[in-house]
């Protein structure tokens, strides 16, 4: 009688088991764990592949999200910044506006290129000085501005053959925010002071130890204000003019002494002196070249006039000879 075996999966016949080939029984017993292992491996691989995909896709998504938020924030900041900039009323005049004002006041004839470079440079430097909050106009500055211009344009009218320099001076002065009458009056007063005052008294004025007359009040004010104000190239040129008019040799040692009296850093004035002397040499060379050109042109004109006179004389002689031949 075949015995039966009870299991959790049901009742199995021992005989039936006995009747199966031993090889099949072993293969089945070993195959079940293999199938389980394969299933577990597939599950693990699926989980890993899902996590790997998430790991590679999530950062990009996060980056896109962050980038989008950052772009929105930047757009918002830019919009707010543009609104703030647009709402500011800038009262400071630019260099370009100053030059535009000059050309509007003096549209033509065009300024010669050799002079235009120096003139634009003078306007630019003066504009930057005037735009500085530390700047305060004074009579010495006015003298320096006037002399800087006349030193540059002294031969301009001869070259162009007409009186244009005064028109250019007026246009430049007004473009910089000054009045011609005020600057010229201050320049004349400072020159008169320099011609009539000894170098020792001028140094006393600079140090504030001299009791000056009322007529010298503008000069005294200039010497006093520069000690706490803004030093500029035009002010330096004004001082150099005072030195020349008072018969003081304009050299490095004297300039340093005067700078110390005015409480100006000596290196500033000595550096300005080098530029002043260099520009003076350039202008002198330019004027010499202009004189040479004028001499050559005069010679050519004389030669042309002489040739023309000679031709007319020959023509007149030929006509006289022809008249005499006909009369005979």
Protein backbone atom coordinates (compact mmCIF):
# COMPACT_ATOMS: atom_id res chain seq x y z
CA UNK A 1 0.00 0.00 0.00
CA UNK A 2 1.44 3.25 -0.93
CA UNK A 3 2.06 5.54 2.00
CA UNK A 4 1.09 9.20 1.86
CA UNK A 5 3.00 12.27 3.05
CA UNK A 6 1.25 15.43 4.19
CA UNK A 7 2.83 18.76 3.37
CA UNK A 8 1.79 22.38 3.31
CA UNK A 9 1.14 22.10 -0.40
CA UNK A 10 -1.07 19.06 -0.15
CA UNK A 11 -0.76 15.29 0.13
CA UNK A 12 1.90 13.53 -1.86
CA UNK A 13 2.20 9.84 -2.53
CA UNK A 14 5.46 8.31 -1.50
CA UNK A 15 5.09 5.83 -4.21
CA UNK A 16 4.67 8.47 -6.79
CA UNK A 17 7.78 10.09 -5.58
CA UNK A 18 9.56 6.85 -5.65
CA UNK A 19 8.46 6.19 -9.17
CA UNK A 20 10.01 9.45 -10.53
CA UNK A 21 13.46 9.24 -11.96
CA UNK A 22 16.13 10.38 -9.48
CA UNK A 23 17.69 12.75 -12.04
CA UNK A 24 14.45 14.68 -12.53
CA UNK A 25 13.86 14.95 -8.82
CA UNK A 26 17.34 16.46 -8.31
CA UNK A 27 16.97 18.85 -11.22
CA UNK A 28 13.64 20.12 -9.86
CA UNK A 29 14.96 20.57 -6.37
CA UNK A 30 18.00 22.48 -7.59
CA UNK A 31 15.96 24.49 -10.17
CA UNK A 32 13.62 26.12 -7.65
CA UNK A 33 16.34 27.99 -5.77
CA UNK A 34 17.82 29.03 -9.11
CA UNK A 35 14.50 30.49 -10.26
CA UNK A 36 14.17 32.37 -6.99
CA UNK A 37 17.64 33.78 -7.29
CA UNK A 38 16.91 34.92 -10.85
CA UNK A 39 13.70 36.62 -9.74
CA UNK A 40 15.50 38.38 -6.91
CA UNK A 41 18.30 39.48 -9.27
CA UNK A 42 15.77 40.87 -11.76
CA UNK A 43 14.03 42.76 -9.00
CA UNK A 44 17.26 44.23 -7.72
CA UNK A 45 18.37 45.20 -11.19
CA UNK A 46 15.03 46.90 -11.86
CA UNK A 47 15.26 48.86 -8.62
CA UNK A 48 18.83 49.85 -9.35
CA UNK A 49 17.96 50.93 -12.87
CA UNK A 50 15.04 53.01 -11.57
CA UNK A 51 17.20 54.65 -8.93
CA UNK A 52 20.00 55.24 -11.45
CA UNK A 53 17.59 56.90 -13.84
CA UNK A 54 16.26 59.02 -11.04
CA UNK A 55 19.79 59.84 -9.96
CA UNK A 56 20.71 61.04 -13.48
CA UNK A 57 17.43 62.80 -14.22
CA UNK A 58 16.78 64.51 -10.89
CA UNK A 59 19.87 66.77 -10.82
CA UNK A 60 19.12 68.08 -14.29
CA UNK A 61 15.55 68.77 -13.30
CA UNK A 62 16.75 70.50 -10.15
CA UNK A 63 19.28 72.51 -12.13
CA UNK A 64 16.58 73.58 -14.60
CA UNK A 65 14.31 74.57 -11.76
CA UNK A 66 17.00 76.55 -9.97
CA UNK A 67 18.11 78.18 -13.23
CA UNK A 68 14.56 79.21 -13.98
CA UNK A 69 14.06 80.71 -10.54
CA UNK A 70 17.41 82.50 -10.77
CA UNK A 71 16.56 83.91 -14.19
CA UNK A 72 13.25 85.23 -12.85
CA UNK A 73 15.05 86.84 -9.90
CA UNK A 74 17.63 88.46 -12.21
CA UNK A 75 14.90 89.76 -14.49
CA UNK A 76 13.17 91.25 -11.49
CA UNK A 77 16.37 92.85 -10.24
CA UNK A 78 17.17 94.23 -13.70
CA UNK A 79 13.72 95.71 -14.02
CA UNK A 80 13.96 97.31 -10.59
CA UNK A 81 17.52 98.55 -11.35
CA UNK A 82 16.41 100.09 -14.64
CA UNK A 83 13.62 101.88 -12.87
CA UNK A 84 16.00 103.30 -10.27
CA UNK A 85 18.53 104.48 -12.87
CA UNK A 86 15.80 106.01 -15.00
CA UNK A 87 14.43 107.88 -11.99
CA UNK A 88 17.77 109.55 -11.16
CA UNK A 89 18.12 113.07 -12.53
CA UNK A 90 21.83 113.43 -13.31
CA UNK A 91 22.73 117.11 -13.04
CA UNK A 92 26.43 116.63 -13.92
CA UNK A 93 27.30 117.67 -17.45
CA UNK A 94 29.31 115.17 -19.46
CA UNK A 95 32.42 115.82 -21.53
CA UNK A 96 30.51 114.96 -24.70
CA UNK A 97 27.81 117.51 -23.86
CA UNK A 98 30.44 120.21 -23.27
CA UNK A 99 32.07 119.51 -26.64
CA UNK A 100 28.64 119.46 -28.32
CA UNK A 101 27.84 122.85 -26.78
CA UNK A 102 31.12 124.19 -28.13
CA UNK A 103 30.45 123.01 -31.69
CA UNK A 104 26.88 124.33 -31.49
CA UNK A 105 28.28 127.75 -30.60
CA UNK A 106 31.04 127.49 -33.21
CA UNK A 107 29.75 125.22 -35.99
CA UNK A 108 32.08 126.47 -38.74
CA UNK A 109 34.50 127.00 -40.29
CA UNK A 110 36.06 123.70 -39.12
CA UNK A 111 39.00 124.05 -36.74
CA UNK A 112 42.29 122.96 -38.28
CA UNK A 113 43.31 119.43 -37.19
CA UNK A 114 46.66 120.57 -35.74
CA UNK A 115 44.82 122.89 -33.32
CA UNK A 116 41.70 120.80 -32.79
CA UNK A 117 43.54 118.06 -30.85
CA UNK A 118 45.01 120.55 -28.35
CA UNK A 119 41.73 122.42 -28.04
CA UNK A 120 39.63 119.32 -27.31
CA UNK A 121 42.22 118.17 -24.77
CA UNK A 122 42.07 121.57 -23.03
CA UNK A 123 38.28 121.46 -22.93
CA UNK A 124 38.26 117.88 -21.62
CA UNK A 125 40.73 118.56 -18.80
CA UNK A 126 38.97 121.76 -17.80
CA UNK A 127 35.56 120.08 -17.85
CA UNK A 128 36.76 117.28 -15.56
CA UNK A 129 38.17 119.88 -13.17
CA UNK A 130 34.96 121.92 -13.11
CA UNK A 131 32.80 118.80 -12.61
CA UNK A 132 34.74 117.87 -9.46
CA UNK A 133 32.88 118.83 -6.28
CA UNK A 134 36.10 120.21 -4.76
CA UNK A 135 36.56 122.79 -7.53
CA UNK A 136 36.05 126.47 -6.84
CA UNK A 137 36.69 129.06 -9.53
CA UNK A 138 39.24 131.77 -8.75
CA UNK A 139 41.15 134.51 -10.58
CA UNK A 140 44.40 132.53 -10.91
CA UNK A 141 42.47 129.69 -12.55
CA UNK A 142 40.94 132.23 -14.94
CA UNK A 143 44.39 133.52 -15.87
CA UNK A 144 45.65 129.97 -16.46
CA UNK A 145 42.66 129.11 -18.66
CA UNK A 146 43.12 132.26 -20.72
CA UNK A 147 46.88 131.73 -21.15
CA UNK A 148 46.43 128.05 -21.99
CA UNK A 149 44.10 129.05 -24.81
CA UNK A 150 46.14 131.99 -26.15
CA UNK A 151 49.33 129.95 -26.01
CA UNK A 152 47.62 127.35 -28.16
CA UNK A 153 45.79 129.63 -30.59
CA UNK A 154 48.16 132.61 -30.85
CA UNK A 155 49.03 131.91 -34.49
CA UNK A 156 45.65 130.53 -35.55
CA UNK A 157 44.33 133.71 -37.14
CA UNK A 158 47.46 134.04 -39.30
CA UNK A 159 47.07 130.50 -40.55
CA UNK A 160 43.38 130.73 -41.44
CA UNK A 161 43.61 134.34 -42.62
CA UNK A 162 40.71 135.64 -40.51
CA UNK A 163 39.84 136.56 -36.93
CA UNK A 164 38.46 133.26 -35.63
CA UNK A 165 40.33 132.74 -32.36
CA UNK A 166 38.12 135.18 -30.39
CA UNK A 167 34.99 133.37 -31.57
CA UNK A 168 36.51 130.01 -30.61
CA UNK A 169 37.53 131.39 -27.19
CA UNK A 170 34.02 132.65 -26.49
CA UNK A 171 32.42 129.37 -27.57
CA UNK A 172 34.80 127.29 -25.44
CA UNK A 173 34.46 129.48 -22.33
CA UNK A 174 30.67 129.42 -22.43
CA UNK A 175 30.57 125.67 -23.12
CA UNK A 176 32.58 125.18 -19.90
CA UNK A 177 30.06 127.27 -17.95
CA UNK A 178 32.04 130.52 -17.60
CA UNK A 179 31.54 134.02 -18.97
CA UNK A 180 34.20 135.57 -21.18
CA UNK A 181 34.01 138.96 -19.46
CA UNK A 182 34.57 137.48 -15.98
CA UNK A 183 37.52 135.30 -16.99
CA UNK A 184 39.23 138.06 -18.97
CA UNK A 185 38.75 140.62 -16.16
CA UNK A 186 40.21 138.23 -13.58
CA UNK A 187 43.15 137.43 -15.87
CA UNK A 188 43.93 141.13 -16.33
CA UNK A 189 43.76 141.78 -12.56
CA UNK A 190 46.13 138.92 -11.72
CA UNK A 191 48.61 140.00 -14.41
CA UNK A 192 48.53 143.57 -13.12
CA UNK A 193 49.19 142.26 -9.60
CA UNK A 194 52.11 140.12 -10.83
CA UNK A 195 53.72 143.00 -12.76
CA UNK A 196 53.48 145.40 -9.81
CA UNK A 197 54.41 143.08 -6.92
CA UNK A 198 57.80 141.74 -5.94
CA UNK A 199 58.36 137.99 -5.62
CA UNK A 200 58.87 138.32 -1.85
CA UNK A 201 55.52 140.10 -1.45
CA UNK A 202 53.81 137.50 -3.64
CA UNK A 203 55.13 134.72 -1.39
CA UNK A 204 53.89 136.70 1.62
CA UNK A 205 50.46 136.87 -0.03
CA UNK A 206 50.55 133.10 -0.55
CA UNK A 207 51.45 132.45 3.07
CA UNK A 208 48.77 134.89 4.22
CA UNK A 209 51.21 137.12 6.15
CA UNK A 210 50.79 140.20 3.97
CA UNK A 211 48.17 142.90 4.48
CA UNK A 212 47.08 143.47 0.90
CA UNK A 213 45.05 146.28 -0.53
CA UNK A 214 41.42 145.77 -1.54
CA UNK A 215 42.43 145.61 -5.20
CA UNK A 216 44.34 142.41 -4.47
CA UNK A 217 41.41 140.68 -2.75
CA UNK A 218 40.70 138.39 -5.73
CA UNK A 219 44.31 137.19 -5.77
CA UNK A 220 44.36 136.73 -2.00
CA UNK A 221 41.14 134.74 -2.20
CA UNK A 222 42.65 132.51 -4.91
CA UNK A 223 45.76 131.87 -2.82
CA UNK A 224 43.63 131.06 0.21
CA UNK A 225 41.03 128.82 -1.43
CA UNK A 226 43.55 126.61 -3.26
CA UNK A 227 44.93 125.40 0.08
CA UNK A 228 41.72 123.48 0.72
CA UNK A 229 40.42 123.24 -2.84
CA UNK A 230 41.22 121.30 -5.99
CA UNK A 231 44.51 121.94 -7.74
CA UNK A 232 44.27 121.90 -11.55
CA UNK A 233 46.51 122.36 -14.56
CA UNK A 234 44.95 125.74 -15.31
CA UNK A 235 45.73 126.97 -11.80
CA UNK A 236 49.33 125.81 -12.27
CA UNK A 237 49.61 127.69 -15.56
CA UNK A 238 48.27 130.79 -13.80
CA UNK A 239 51.01 130.49 -11.16
CA UNK A 240 53.67 130.06 -13.86
CA UNK A 241 52.40 133.23 -15.52
CA UNK A 242 52.65 135.12 -12.23
CA UNK A 243 56.23 133.89 -11.85
CA UNK A 244 57.15 135.04 -15.36
CA UNK A 245 55.53 138.47 -14.93
CA UNK A 246 57.30 139.01 -11.59
CA UNK A 247 60.66 138.10 -13.18
CA UNK A 248 61.03 134.79 -11.33
CA UNK A 249 62.79 132.00 -13.18
CA UNK A 250 60.25 129.25 -13.78
CA UNK A 251 62.28 126.22 -12.76
CA UNK A 252 61.74 123.18 -10.56
CA UNK A 253 63.28 124.65 -7.39
CA UNK A 254 61.24 127.88 -7.52
CA UNK A 255 58.05 126.03 -8.38
CA UNK A 256 58.53 123.73 -5.37
CA UNK A 257 59.06 126.78 -3.13
CA UNK A 258 55.87 128.43 -4.35
CA UNK A 259 53.94 125.16 -4.07
CA UNK A 260 54.95 124.82 -0.41
CA UNK A 261 53.83 128.40 0.25
CA UNK A 262 50.41 127.51 -1.20
CA UNK A 263 50.35 124.16 0.68
CA UNK A 264 50.18 122.28 -2.64
CA UNK A 265 51.99 118.98 -3.08
CA UNK A 266 55.20 120.06 -4.88
CA UNK A 267 55.21 117.01 -7.18
CA UNK A 268 51.86 118.09 -8.63
CA UNK A 269 53.17 121.49 -9.69
CA UNK A 270 56.53 120.19 -10.94
CA UNK A 271 54.76 117.57 -13.04
CA UNK A 272 52.49 120.28 -14.38
CA UNK A 273 55.58 122.40 -15.10
CA UNK A 274 57.08 119.63 -17.25
CA UNK A 275 53.85 119.38 -19.27
CA UNK A 276 53.63 123.16 -19.55
CA UNK A 277 57.20 123.47 -20.85
CA UNK A 278 56.76 120.55 -23.25
CA UNK A 279 53.58 122.04 -24.72
CA UNK A 280 55.32 125.41 -24.97
CA UNK A 281 58.14 123.85 -27.00
CA UNK A 282 55.65 122.08 -29.26
CA UNK A 283 53.77 125.32 -29.89
CA UNK A 284 57.00 127.20 -30.56
CA UNK A 285 58.03 124.51 -33.06
CA UNK A 286 54.61 124.71 -34.69
CA UNK A 287 54.83 128.49 -34.93
CA UNK A 288 58.32 128.23 -36.42
CA UNK A 289 57.00 125.80 -39.01
CA UNK A 290 54.16 128.18 -39.80
CA UNK A 291 56.61 131.04 -40.26
CA UNK A 292 58.69 128.93 -42.63
CA UNK A 293 55.58 128.08 -44.61
CA UNK A 294 54.66 131.75 -44.75
CA UNK A 295 58.15 132.65 -46.01
CA UNK A 296 57.99 129.96 -48.71
CA UNK A 297 54.53 131.09 -49.77
CA UNK A 298 55.67 134.71 -49.96
CA UNK A 299 58.64 133.69 -52.10
CA UNK A 300 56.41 131.70 -54.41
CA UNK A 301 53.99 134.61 -54.65
CA UNK A 302 56.85 137.00 -55.45
CA UNK A 303 58.12 134.63 -58.12
CA UNK A 304 54.65 134.33 -59.65
CA UNK A 305 54.20 138.10 -59.65
CA UNK A 306 57.63 138.57 -61.20
CA UNK A 307 56.90 135.99 -63.89
CA UNK A 308 53.55 137.62 -64.59
CA UNK A 309 55.12 141.07 -64.84
CA UNK A 310 57.79 139.72 -67.14
CA UNK A 311 55.18 138.09 -69.36
CA UNK A 312 53.20 141.30 -69.54
CA UNK A 313 56.34 143.25 -70.38
CA UNK A 314 57.23 140.82 -73.14
CA UNK A 315 53.69 140.98 -74.45
CA UNK A 316 53.75 144.76 -74.42
CA UNK A 317 57.13 144.81 -76.20
CA UNK A 318 55.88 142.38 -78.83
CA UNK A 319 52.80 144.51 -79.41
CA UNK A 320 54.92 147.66 -79.71
CA UNK A 321 57.19 145.98 -82.26
CA UNK A 322 54.17 144.85 -84.25
CA UNK A 323 52.77 148.38 -84.23
CA UNK A 324 56.04 149.83 -85.45
CA UNK A 325 56.27 147.25 -88.26
CA UNK A 326 52.79 148.16 -89.47
CA UNK A 327 53.53 151.88 -89.41
CA UNK A 328 56.58 151.40 -91.59
